[in-house]
């Protein structure tokens, strides 16, 4: 919550694709400028092969790597590292700002379980968020894997974890008028895809959670189960549909939204670190 709002605002209201990353070998924060030059040269070489290029557009792609110490949970965490690819078309005015083509962010928010036993030459940044064209992600991920002997893997979010997210986020207090809490369910074994959207007024969702949660600040599996069961029984009472027979695929709240494909949008700066903490936990569980 102590993060600088201006520095972390670039993470808000964008659709981020999640990856888990194994520890980086011999990654040195003091060499970020050098890494940016090397990655830029690598992208230029890949473009010569016809990769990661926007057809018909001549672009001068710039690479920037920067540290985000604002995104650091405990003292053991490594500060986040932001990777940005930007461009300026030859037709653009000289004083115009560069256009951000793609962004990526390595992050570790309260990843003590993984950091504690990490050998000295390894840097633990298990969560990676990407925003932009998949072709750029492929090239950037390829360079990091070759340079630091690490591995990127898409991070899906299970219905189990989605239910935890909606319970936690629905219980957070938001000052301004909040959007509805929405759950989207996919109905299995139908010839045509069918989704069911279930929207709840944010104050009703928070009131329900407050009656269930025994200890503020602590959440148990039993409490999450009771929360979801209450929502299911309410829906069944009105529509005679058993949501327990469907698959939860997306949740949206005023805090954040998350899709089972591993796409997350963070919406509230005050709770950014808590969302990233949960995502870091998911990334670590995939690595371990």
C-alpha atoms as a PDB file:
ATOM      1  CA  UNK A   1       0.000   0.000   0.000  1.00  0.00           C
ATOM      2  CA  UNK A   2       3.039   2.313   0.323  1.00  0.00           C
ATOM      3  CA  UNK A   3       3.681   2.129  -3.435  1.00  0.00           C
ATOM      4  CA  UNK A   4       4.003   5.392  -5.358  1.00  0.00           C
ATOM      5  CA  UNK A   5       0.653   5.754  -7.192  1.00  0.00           C
ATOM      6  CA  UNK A   6       2.245   7.364 -10.256  1.00  0.00           C
ATOM      7  CA  UNK A   7       4.864   4.643 -10.662  1.00  0.00           C
ATOM      8  CA  UNK A   8       2.410   1.794 -10.199  1.00  0.00           C
ATOM      9  CA  UNK A   9      -0.454   3.354 -12.198  1.00  0.00           C
ATOM     10  CA  UNK A  10       0.962   1.787 -15.365  1.00  0.00           C
ATOM     11  CA  UNK A  11      -0.155  -1.609 -14.010  1.00  0.00           C
ATOM     12  CA  UNK A  12      -3.771  -0.525 -13.555  1.00  0.00           C
ATOM     13  CA  UNK A  13      -6.684  -1.019 -15.972  1.00  0.00           C
ATOM     14  CA  UNK A  14      -4.700  -3.111 -18.463  1.00  0.00           C
ATOM     15  CA  UNK A  15      -5.245  -6.748 -19.362  1.00  0.00           C
ATOM     16  CA  UNK A  16      -2.152  -8.638 -18.158  1.00  0.00           C
ATOM     17  CA  UNK A  17      -1.373 -12.199 -19.227  1.00  0.00           C
ATOM     18  CA  UNK A  18       0.193 -14.157 -16.371  1.00  0.00           C
ATOM     19  CA  UNK A  19       3.284 -16.372 -16.484  1.00  0.00           C
ATOM     20  CA  UNK A  20       5.270 -18.185 -13.829  1.00  0.00           C
ATOM     21  CA  UNK A  21       9.059 -17.886 -14.151  1.00  0.00           C
ATOM     22  CA  UNK A  22      11.747 -20.084 -12.633  1.00  0.00           C
ATOM     23  CA  UNK A  23      14.582 -18.214 -10.829  1.00  0.00           C
ATOM     24  CA  UNK A  24      16.900 -16.172 -13.053  1.00  0.00           C
ATOM     25  CA  UNK A  25      20.561 -17.278 -12.997  1.00  0.00           C
ATOM     26  CA  UNK A  26      23.170 -14.515 -12.637  1.00  0.00           C
ATOM     27  CA  UNK A  27      20.733 -11.671 -13.133  1.00  0.00           C
ATOM     28  CA  UNK A  28      22.246  -8.442 -11.774  1.00  0.00           C
ATOM     29  CA  UNK A  29      20.045  -5.425 -11.142  1.00  0.00           C
ATOM     30  CA  UNK A  30      23.016  -3.085 -11.635  1.00  0.00           C
ATOM     31  CA  UNK A  31      23.241  -4.142 -15.293  1.00  0.00           C
ATOM     32  CA  UNK A  32      19.680  -3.266 -16.422  1.00  0.00           C
ATOM     33  CA  UNK A  33      20.897  -0.759 -19.046  1.00  0.00           C
ATOM     34  CA  UNK A  34      23.265  -3.336 -20.498  1.00  0.00           C
ATOM     35  CA  UNK A  35      20.450  -5.903 -20.615  1.00  0.00           C
ATOM     36  CA  UNK A  36      18.251  -3.372 -22.432  1.00  0.00           C
ATOM     37  CA  UNK A  37      20.951  -2.911 -25.108  1.00  0.00           C
ATOM     38  CA  UNK A  38      21.403  -6.675 -25.509  1.00  0.00           C
ATOM     39  CA  UNK A  39      17.658  -7.302 -25.725  1.00  0.00           C
ATOM     40  CA  UNK A  40      17.325  -4.475 -28.267  1.00  0.00           C
ATOM     41  CA  UNK A  41      20.022  -6.088 -30.429  1.00  0.00           C
ATOM     42  CA  UNK A  42      18.306  -9.468 -30.100  1.00  0.00           C
ATOM     43  CA  UNK A  43      14.942  -8.001 -31.199  1.00  0.00           C
ATOM     44  CA  UNK A  44      16.656  -6.312 -34.178  1.00  0.00           C
ATOM     45  CA  UNK A  45      18.175  -9.662 -35.189  1.00  0.00           C
ATOM     46  CA  UNK A  46      14.795 -11.386 -34.901  1.00  0.00           C
ATOM     47  CA  UNK A  47      13.225  -8.644 -37.027  1.00  0.00           C
ATOM     48  CA  UNK A  48      15.776  -9.409 -39.744  1.00  0.00           C
ATOM     49  CA  UNK A  49      14.290 -12.903 -39.801  1.00  0.00           C
ATOM     50  CA  UNK A  50      10.801 -11.406 -40.140  1.00  0.00           C
ATOM     51  CA  UNK A  51       9.740 -11.962 -36.522  1.00  0.00           C
ATOM     52  CA  UNK A  52       8.034  -9.510 -34.146  1.00  0.00           C
ATOM     53  CA  UNK A  53       7.391  -6.965 -36.853  1.00  0.00           C
ATOM     54  CA  UNK A  54       4.246  -4.980 -37.576  1.00  0.00           C
ATOM     55  CA  UNK A  55       3.675  -5.505 -41.299  1.00  0.00           C
ATOM     56  CA  UNK A  56       4.198  -2.458 -43.461  1.00  0.00           C
ATOM     57  CA  UNK A  57       5.438  -0.230 -40.637  1.00  0.00           C
ATOM     58  CA  UNK A  58       9.040   0.858 -40.189  1.00  0.00           C
ATOM     59  CA  UNK A  59       9.614   1.133 -36.472  1.00  0.00           C
ATOM     60  CA  UNK A  60      12.637   1.957 -34.394  1.00  0.00           C
ATOM     61  CA  UNK A  61      12.037  -0.253 -31.333  1.00  0.00           C
ATOM     62  CA  UNK A  62      13.552   0.974 -28.075  1.00  0.00           C
ATOM     63  CA  UNK A  63      13.977  -1.272 -25.048  1.00  0.00           C
ATOM     64  CA  UNK A  64      13.941  -0.038 -21.435  1.00  0.00           C
ATOM     65  CA  UNK A  65      14.449  -2.072 -18.268  1.00  0.00           C
ATOM     66  CA  UNK A  66      13.818  -0.357 -14.948  1.00  0.00           C
ATOM     67  CA  UNK A  67      13.489  -1.305 -11.306  1.00  0.00           C
ATOM     68  CA  UNK A  68      10.184  -0.801  -9.463  1.00  0.00           C
ATOM     69  CA  UNK A  69      11.147  -0.838  -5.766  1.00  0.00           C
ATOM     70  CA  UNK A  70       7.559   0.252  -4.983  1.00  0.00           C
ATOM     71  CA  UNK A  71       6.457  -3.289  -5.856  1.00  0.00           C
ATOM     72  CA  UNK A  72       8.235  -5.189  -3.123  1.00  0.00           C
ATOM     73  CA  UNK A  73       6.448  -6.958  -0.280  1.00  0.00           C
ATOM     74  CA  UNK A  74       8.972  -8.036   2.360  1.00  0.00           C
ATOM     75  CA  UNK A  75      12.690  -7.269   2.752  1.00  0.00           C
ATOM     76  CA  UNK A  76      13.484 -10.675   1.237  1.00  0.00           C
ATOM     77  CA  UNK A  77      11.597  -9.888  -1.978  1.00  0.00           C
ATOM     78  CA  UNK A  78      13.435  -8.650  -5.033  1.00  0.00           C
ATOM     79  CA  UNK A  79      11.989  -5.340  -6.323  1.00  0.00           C
ATOM     80  CA  UNK A  80       9.906  -5.691  -9.477  1.00  0.00           C
ATOM     81  CA  UNK A  81      11.568  -5.204 -12.876  1.00  0.00           C
ATOM     82  CA  UNK A  82       9.668  -3.463 -15.685  1.00  0.00           C
ATOM     83  CA  UNK A  83      10.452  -4.251 -19.337  1.00  0.00           C
ATOM     84  CA  UNK A  84       9.057  -1.871 -21.976  1.00  0.00           C
ATOM     85  CA  UNK A  85       9.289  -1.904 -25.759  1.00  0.00           C
ATOM     86  CA  UNK A  86       8.460   1.439 -27.334  1.00  0.00           C
ATOM     87  CA  UNK A  87       8.623   2.849 -30.842  1.00  0.00           C
ATOM     88  CA  UNK A  88       8.473   5.993 -32.860  1.00  0.00           C
ATOM     89  CA  UNK A  89       7.423   5.813 -36.476  1.00  0.00           C
ATOM     90  CA  UNK A  90       9.619   7.711 -38.954  1.00  0.00           C
ATOM     91  CA  UNK A  91       6.529   9.711 -39.865  1.00  0.00           C
ATOM     92  CA  UNK A  92       6.013  10.908 -36.270  1.00  0.00           C
ATOM     93  CA  UNK A  93       6.952  14.469 -35.249  1.00  0.00           C
ATOM     94  CA  UNK A  94      10.347  14.696 -33.528  1.00  0.00           C
ATOM     95  CA  UNK A  95       8.925  15.986 -30.250  1.00  0.00           C
ATOM     96  CA  UNK A  96       6.205  13.310 -30.026  1.00  0.00           C
ATOM     97  CA  UNK A  97       6.310  10.715 -27.255  1.00  0.00           C
ATOM     98  CA  UNK A  98       7.304   7.142 -27.983  1.00  0.00           C
ATOM     99  CA  UNK A  99       4.412   4.700 -28.265  1.00  0.00           C
ATOM    100  CA  UNK A 100       4.543   1.783 -25.824  1.00  0.00           C
ATOM    101  CA  UNK A 101       4.262  -1.390 -27.921  1.00  0.00           C
ATOM    102  CA  UNK A 102       4.566  -3.965 -25.166  1.00  0.00           C
ATOM    103  CA  UNK A 103       5.144  -4.100 -21.408  1.00  0.00           C
ATOM    104  CA  UNK A 104       6.251  -6.877 -19.101  1.00  0.00           C
ATOM    105  CA  UNK A 105       6.808  -6.922 -15.345  1.00  0.00           C
ATOM    106  CA  UNK A 106       8.759  -9.411 -13.218  1.00  0.00           C
ATOM    107  CA  UNK A 107       7.367  -9.412  -9.695  1.00  0.00           C
ATOM    108  CA  UNK A 108       7.714 -11.078  -6.314  1.00  0.00           C
ATOM    109  CA  UNK A 109       5.256  -9.895  -3.665  1.00  0.00           C
ATOM    110  CA  UNK A 110       5.770 -11.701  -0.339  1.00  0.00           C
ATOM    111  CA  UNK A 111       7.415 -14.682  -2.007  1.00  0.00           C
ATOM    112  CA  UNK A 112       9.365 -15.596   1.127  1.00  0.00           C
ATOM    113  CA  UNK A 113       8.721 -19.337   0.750  1.00  0.00           C
ATOM    114  CA  UNK A 114      10.726 -19.387  -2.470  1.00  0.00           C
ATOM    115  CA  UNK A 115      13.255 -16.648  -1.609  1.00  0.00           C
ATOM    116  CA  UNK A 116      14.434 -18.107   1.721  1.00  0.00           C
ATOM    117  CA  UNK A 117      16.332 -21.067   0.284  1.00  0.00           C
ATOM    118  CA  UNK A 118      17.469 -19.452  -2.961  1.00  0.00           C
ATOM    119  CA  UNK A 119      21.176 -19.963  -3.862  1.00  0.00           C
ATOM    120  CA  UNK A 120      23.218 -16.769  -4.142  1.00  0.00           C
ATOM    121  CA  UNK A 121      23.450 -16.691  -7.958  1.00  0.00           C
ATOM    122  CA  UNK A 122      19.688 -16.912  -8.467  1.00  0.00           C
ATOM    123  CA  UNK A 123      17.120 -14.102  -8.468  1.00  0.00           C
ATOM    124  CA  UNK A 124      13.568 -15.004  -7.488  1.00  0.00           C
ATOM    125  CA  UNK A 125      10.928 -13.099  -9.512  1.00  0.00           C
ATOM    126  CA  UNK A 126       8.346 -15.866 -10.037  1.00  0.00           C
ATOM    127  CA  UNK A 127       5.442 -13.810 -11.413  1.00  0.00           C
ATOM    128  CA  UNK A 128       5.586 -12.242 -14.865  1.00  0.00           C
ATOM    129  CA  UNK A 129       2.825 -10.043 -16.302  1.00  0.00           C
ATOM    130  CA  UNK A 130       2.705  -9.255 -20.038  1.00  0.00           C
ATOM    131  CA  UNK A 131       0.615  -6.662 -21.867  1.00  0.00           C
ATOM    132  CA  UNK A 132       0.795  -6.442 -25.650  1.00  0.00           C
ATOM    133  CA  UNK A 133       1.220  -8.585 -28.752  1.00  0.00           C
ATOM    134  CA  UNK A 134       2.072 -12.262 -28.230  1.00  0.00           C
ATOM    135  CA  UNK A 135       4.819 -11.970 -30.878  1.00  0.00           C
ATOM    136  CA  UNK A 136       6.783  -9.547 -28.669  1.00  0.00           C
ATOM    137  CA  UNK A 137       6.260 -11.759 -25.612  1.00  0.00           C
ATOM    138  CA  UNK A 138       7.677 -14.681 -27.559  1.00  0.00           C
ATOM    139  CA  UNK A 139      10.843 -12.795 -28.516  1.00  0.00           C
ATOM    140  CA  UNK A 140      11.390 -11.189 -25.093  1.00  0.00           C
ATOM    141  CA  UNK A 141      10.687 -14.465 -23.253  1.00  0.00           C
ATOM    142  CA  UNK A 142      13.099 -16.272 -25.575  1.00  0.00           C
ATOM    143  CA  UNK A 143      15.893 -13.808 -24.789  1.00  0.00           C
ATOM    144  CA  UNK A 144      15.388 -14.024 -21.018  1.00  0.00           C
ATOM    145  CA  UNK A 145      15.298 -17.827 -21.148  1.00  0.00           C
ATOM    146  CA  UNK A 146      18.553 -17.998 -23.129  1.00  0.00           C
ATOM    147  CA  UNK A 147      20.320 -15.305 -21.092  1.00  0.00           C
ATOM    148  CA  UNK A 148      19.308 -16.297 -17.560  1.00  0.00           C
ATOM    149  CA  UNK A 149      18.563 -20.022 -17.940  1.00  0.00           C
ATOM    150  CA  UNK A 150      14.967 -19.572 -16.767  1.00  0.00           C
ATOM    151  CA  UNK A 151      11.648 -20.905 -18.027  1.00  0.00           C
ATOM    152  CA  UNK A 152       8.340 -19.096 -18.698  1.00  0.00           C
ATOM    153  CA  UNK A 153       5.047 -20.937 -18.381  1.00  0.00           C
ATOM    154  CA  UNK A 154       1.503 -19.609 -18.859  1.00  0.00           C
ATOM    155  CA  UNK A 155      -0.274 -19.352 -15.516  1.00  0.00           C
ATOM    156  CA  UNK A 156      -3.910 -20.491 -15.667  1.00  0.00           C
ATOM    157  CA  UNK A 157      -6.296 -19.775 -12.774  1.00  0.00           C
ATOM    158  CA  UNK A 158      -8.446 -22.652 -11.545  1.00  0.00           C
ATOM    159  CA  UNK A 159     -12.119 -22.266 -10.505  1.00  0.00           C
ATOM    160  CA  UNK A 160     -10.917 -23.006  -6.952  1.00  0.00           C
ATOM    161  CA  UNK A 161      -8.567 -19.994  -7.015  1.00  0.00           C
ATOM    162  CA  UNK A 162     -11.161 -17.799  -8.746  1.00  0.00           C
ATOM    163  CA  UNK A 163     -13.581 -18.478  -5.879  1.00  0.00           C
ATOM    164  CA  UNK A 164     -10.902 -17.377  -3.393  1.00  0.00           C
ATOM    165  CA  UNK A 165     -10.299 -14.209  -5.399  1.00  0.00           C
ATOM    166  CA  UNK A 166     -13.954 -13.177  -5.550  1.00  0.00           C
ATOM    167  CA  UNK A 167     -14.449 -13.851  -1.839  1.00  0.00           C
ATOM    168  CA  UNK A 168     -11.360 -11.844  -0.855  1.00  0.00           C
ATOM    169  CA  UNK A 169     -11.946  -8.944  -3.230  1.00  0.00           C
ATOM    170  CA  UNK A 170     -15.673  -8.676  -2.475  1.00  0.00           C
ATOM    171  CA  UNK A 171     -14.736  -8.211   1.195  1.00  0.00           C
ATOM    172  CA  UNK A 172     -12.461  -5.209   0.606  1.00  0.00           C
ATOM    173  CA  UNK A 173     -13.837  -1.747   1.309  1.00  0.00           C
ATOM    174  CA  UNK A 174     -13.901   0.662  -1.636  1.00  0.00           C
ATOM    175  CA  UNK A 175     -14.595   4.360  -0.988  1.00  0.00           C
ATOM    176  CA  UNK A 176     -16.101   5.465  -4.286  1.00  0.00           C
ATOM    177  CA  UNK A 177     -19.101   3.930  -6.066  1.00  0.00           C
ATOM    178  CA  UNK A 178     -18.037   0.386  -6.850  1.00  0.00           C
ATOM    179  CA  UNK A 179     -18.938  -1.742  -9.851  1.00  0.00           C
ATOM    180  CA  UNK A 180     -20.962  -4.924  -9.379  1.00  0.00           C
ATOM    181  CA  UNK A 181     -19.351  -8.174  -8.296  1.00  0.00           C
ATOM    182  CA  UNK A 182     -19.748 -10.441 -11.320  1.00  0.00           C
ATOM    183  CA  UNK A 183     -19.157 -14.170 -11.712  1.00  0.00           C
ATOM    184  CA  UNK A 184     -19.212 -15.857 -15.119  1.00  0.00           C
ATOM    185  CA  UNK A 185     -19.891 -19.591 -15.352  1.00  0.00           C
ATOM    186  CA  UNK A 186     -19.426 -21.856 -18.360  1.00  0.00           C
ATOM    187  CA  UNK A 187     -22.000 -24.609 -18.866  1.00  0.00           C
ATOM    188  CA  UNK A 188     -20.271 -27.865 -19.876  1.00  0.00           C
ATOM    189  CA  UNK A 189     -21.255 -30.530 -22.421  1.00  0.00           C
ATOM    190  CA  UNK A 190     -23.435 -28.357 -24.659  1.00  0.00           C
ATOM    191  CA  UNK A 191     -23.277 -28.333 -28.481  1.00  0.00           C
ATOM    192  CA  UNK A 192     -22.999 -24.525 -28.390  1.00  0.00           C
ATOM    193  CA  UNK A 193     -21.003 -22.557 -25.759  1.00  0.00           C
ATOM    194  CA  UNK A 194     -23.198 -21.073 -23.044  1.00  0.00           C
ATOM    195  CA  UNK A 195     -22.077 -18.730 -20.269  1.00  0.00           C
ATOM    196  CA  UNK A 196     -24.099 -17.600 -17.274  1.00  0.00           C
ATOM    197  CA  UNK A 197     -23.334 -14.167 -15.826  1.00  0.00           C
ATOM    198  CA  UNK A 198     -24.227 -13.561 -12.180  1.00  0.00           C
ATOM    199  CA  UNK A 199     -23.979  -9.964 -10.915  1.00  0.00           C
ATOM    200  CA  UNK A 200     -24.271  -8.969  -7.249  1.00  0.00           C
ATOM    201  CA  UNK A 201     -24.429  -5.446  -5.826  1.00  0.00           C
ATOM    202  CA  UNK A 202     -21.013  -4.756  -4.216  1.00  0.00           C
ATOM    203  CA  UNK A 203     -22.536  -3.714  -0.878  1.00  0.00           C
ATOM    204  CA  UNK A 204     -24.616  -6.917  -0.755  1.00  0.00           C
ATOM    205  CA  UNK A 205     -21.550  -9.044  -1.527  1.00  0.00           C
ATOM    206  CA  UNK A 206     -19.509  -7.293   1.190  1.00  0.00           C
ATOM    207  CA  UNK A 207     -22.356  -7.584   3.720  1.00  0.00           C
ATOM    208  CA  UNK A 208     -22.582 -11.320   3.015  1.00  0.00           C
ATOM    209  CA  UNK A 209     -18.822 -11.759   3.390  1.00  0.00           C
ATOM    210  CA  UNK A 210     -18.802  -9.758   6.647  1.00  0.00           C
ATOM    211  CA  UNK A 211     -21.391 -12.135   8.157  1.00  0.00           C
ATOM    212  CA  UNK A 212     -19.236 -15.137   7.185  1.00  0.00           C
ATOM    213  CA  UNK A 213     -15.692 -14.003   8.004  1.00  0.00           C
ATOM    214  CA  UNK A 214     -14.821 -14.767  11.621  1.00  0.00           C
ATOM    215  CA  UNK A 215     -11.444 -13.024  11.925  1.00  0.00           C
ATOM    216  CA  UNK A 216     -10.832  -9.810   9.934  1.00  0.00           C
ATOM    217  CA  UNK A 217      -7.686 -10.111   7.839  1.00  0.00           C
ATOM    218  CA  UNK A 218      -7.773 -13.909   7.901  1.00  0.00           C
ATOM    219  CA  UNK A 219      -9.582 -16.135   5.407  1.00  0.00           C
ATOM    220  CA  UNK A 220     -10.217 -19.869   5.640  1.00  0.00           C
ATOM    221  CA  UNK A 221     -11.285 -22.382   3.017  1.00  0.00           C
ATOM    222  CA  UNK A 222     -14.457 -23.017   4.986  1.00  0.00           C
ATOM    223  CA  UNK A 223     -15.406 -19.319   4.781  1.00  0.00           C
ATOM    224  CA  UNK A 224     -14.837 -19.228   1.017  1.00  0.00           C
ATOM    225  CA  UNK A 225     -16.970 -22.374   0.607  1.00  0.00           C
ATOM    226  CA  UNK A 226     -19.806 -20.878   2.672  1.00  0.00           C
ATOM    227  CA  UNK A 227     -19.650 -17.633   0.661  1.00  0.00           C
ATOM    228  CA  UNK A 228     -19.902 -19.478  -2.660  1.00  0.00           C
ATOM    229  CA  UNK A 229     -22.629 -21.834  -1.359  1.00  0.00           C
ATOM    230  CA  UNK A 230     -24.730 -18.823  -0.320  1.00  0.00           C
ATOM    231  CA  UNK A 231     -24.402 -17.313  -3.790  1.00  0.00           C
ATOM    232  CA  UNK A 232     -25.268 -20.651  -5.416  1.00  0.00           C
ATOM    233  CA  UNK A 233     -28.344 -21.245  -3.248  1.00  0.00           C
ATOM    234  CA  UNK A 234     -29.622 -17.690  -3.871  1.00  0.00           C
ATOM    235  CA  UNK A 235     -29.252 -18.180  -7.632  1.00  0.00           C
ATOM    236  CA  UNK A 236     -30.973 -21.578  -7.514  1.00  0.00           C
ATOM    237  CA  UNK A 237     -33.862 -20.175  -5.501  1.00  0.00           C
ATOM    238  CA  UNK A 238     -34.576 -17.576  -8.212  1.00  0.00           C
ATOM    239  CA  UNK A 239     -33.658 -19.380 -11.432  1.00  0.00           C
ATOM    240  CA  UNK A 240     -33.701 -23.111 -10.544  1.00  0.00           C
ATOM    241  CA  UNK A 241     -30.168 -23.479 -11.985  1.00  0.00           C
ATOM    242  CA  UNK A 242     -27.454 -25.278 -10.029  1.00  0.00           C
ATOM    243  CA  UNK A 243     -24.264 -23.298 -10.575  1.00  0.00           C
ATOM    244  CA  UNK A 244     -22.282 -25.998  -8.769  1.00  0.00           C
ATOM    245  CA  UNK A 245     -22.721 -28.090 -11.954  1.00  0.00           C
ATOM    246  CA  UNK A 246     -21.018 -25.378 -14.069  1.00  0.00           C
ATOM    247  CA  UNK A 247     -17.442 -24.099 -14.225  1.00  0.00           C
ATOM    248  CA  UNK A 248     -16.448 -20.706 -12.813  1.00  0.00           C
ATOM    249  CA  UNK A 249     -14.377 -19.035 -15.567  1.00  0.00           C
ATOM    250  CA  UNK A 250     -14.209 -15.341 -14.641  1.00  0.00           C
ATOM    251  CA  UNK A 251     -14.685 -13.041 -11.646  1.00  0.00           C
ATOM    252  CA  UNK A 252     -14.892  -9.226 -11.656  1.00  0.00           C
ATOM    253  CA  UNK A 253     -14.932  -6.811  -8.726  1.00  0.00           C
ATOM    254  CA  UNK A 254     -14.004  -3.180  -8.100  1.00  0.00           C
ATOM    255  CA  UNK A 255     -10.553  -4.425  -7.007  1.00  0.00           C
ATOM    256  CA  UNK A 256      -9.646  -6.585 -10.006  1.00  0.00           C
ATOM    257  CA  UNK A 257     -10.936  -9.061 -12.557  1.00  0.00           C
ATOM    258  CA  UNK A 258      -9.482 -12.468 -13.367  1.00  0.00           C
ATOM    259  CA  UNK A 259     -10.139 -15.033 -16.110  1.00  0.00           C
ATOM    260  CA  UNK A 260      -9.332 -18.745 -15.957  1.00  0.00           C
ATOM    261  CA  UNK A 261      -7.028 -18.319 -18.994  1.00  0.00           C
ATOM    262  CA  UNK A 262      -4.670 -16.362 -16.738  1.00  0.00           C
ATOM    263  CA  UNK A 263      -5.637 -12.831 -17.760  1.00  0.00           C
ATOM    264  CA  UNK A 264      -5.950 -10.294 -14.954  1.00  0.00           C
ATOM    265  CA  UNK A 265      -6.925  -6.634 -14.845  1.00  0.00           C
ATOM    266  CA  UNK A 266      -6.055  -4.695 -11.669  1.00  0.00           C
ATOM    267  CA  UNK A 267      -8.312  -1.723 -11.008  1.00  0.00           C
ATOM    268  CA  UNK A 268      -7.573  -0.280  -7.562  1.00  0.00           C
ATOM    269  CA  UNK A 269      -4.161   1.102  -6.551  1.00  0.00           C
ATOM    270  CA  UNK A 270      -4.835   0.665  -2.816  1.00  0.00           C
ATOM    271  CA  UNK A 271      -5.129  -3.115  -3.170  1.00  0.00           C
ATOM    272  CA  UNK A 272      -2.501  -3.632  -5.873  1.00  0.00           C
ATOM    273  CA  UNK A 273       0.007  -5.298  -3.547  1.00  0.00           C
ATOM    274  CA  UNK A 274      -2.631  -7.712  -2.185  1.00  0.00           C
ATOM    275  CA  UNK A 275      -3.637  -8.802  -5.688  1.00  0.00           C
ATOM    276  CA  UNK A 276       0.016  -9.273  -6.657  1.00  0.00           C
ATOM    277  CA  UNK A 277       0.657 -11.222  -3.445  1.00  0.00           C
ATOM    278  CA  UNK A 278      -2.047 -13.736  -4.387  1.00  0.00           C
ATOM    279  CA  UNK A 279      -0.766 -13.987  -7.965  1.00  0.00           C
ATOM    280  CA  UNK A 280       2.812 -14.468  -6.706  1.00  0.00           C
ATOM    281  CA  UNK A 281       1.558 -17.334  -4.538  1.00  0.00           C
ATOM    282  CA  UNK A 282      -0.063 -18.975  -7.586  1.00  0.00           C
ATOM    283  CA  UNK A 283       3.130 -18.558  -9.643  1.00  0.00           C
ATOM    284  CA  UNK A 284       5.272 -20.085  -6.884  1.00  0.00           C
ATOM    285  CA  UNK A 285       2.906 -23.060  -6.510  1.00  0.00           C
ATOM    286  CA  UNK A 286       3.319 -23.812 -10.230  1.00  0.00           C
ATOM    287  CA  UNK A 287       7.124 -23.673  -9.994  1.00  0.00           C
ATOM    288  CA  UNK A 288       7.302 -25.883  -6.894  1.00  0.00           C
END
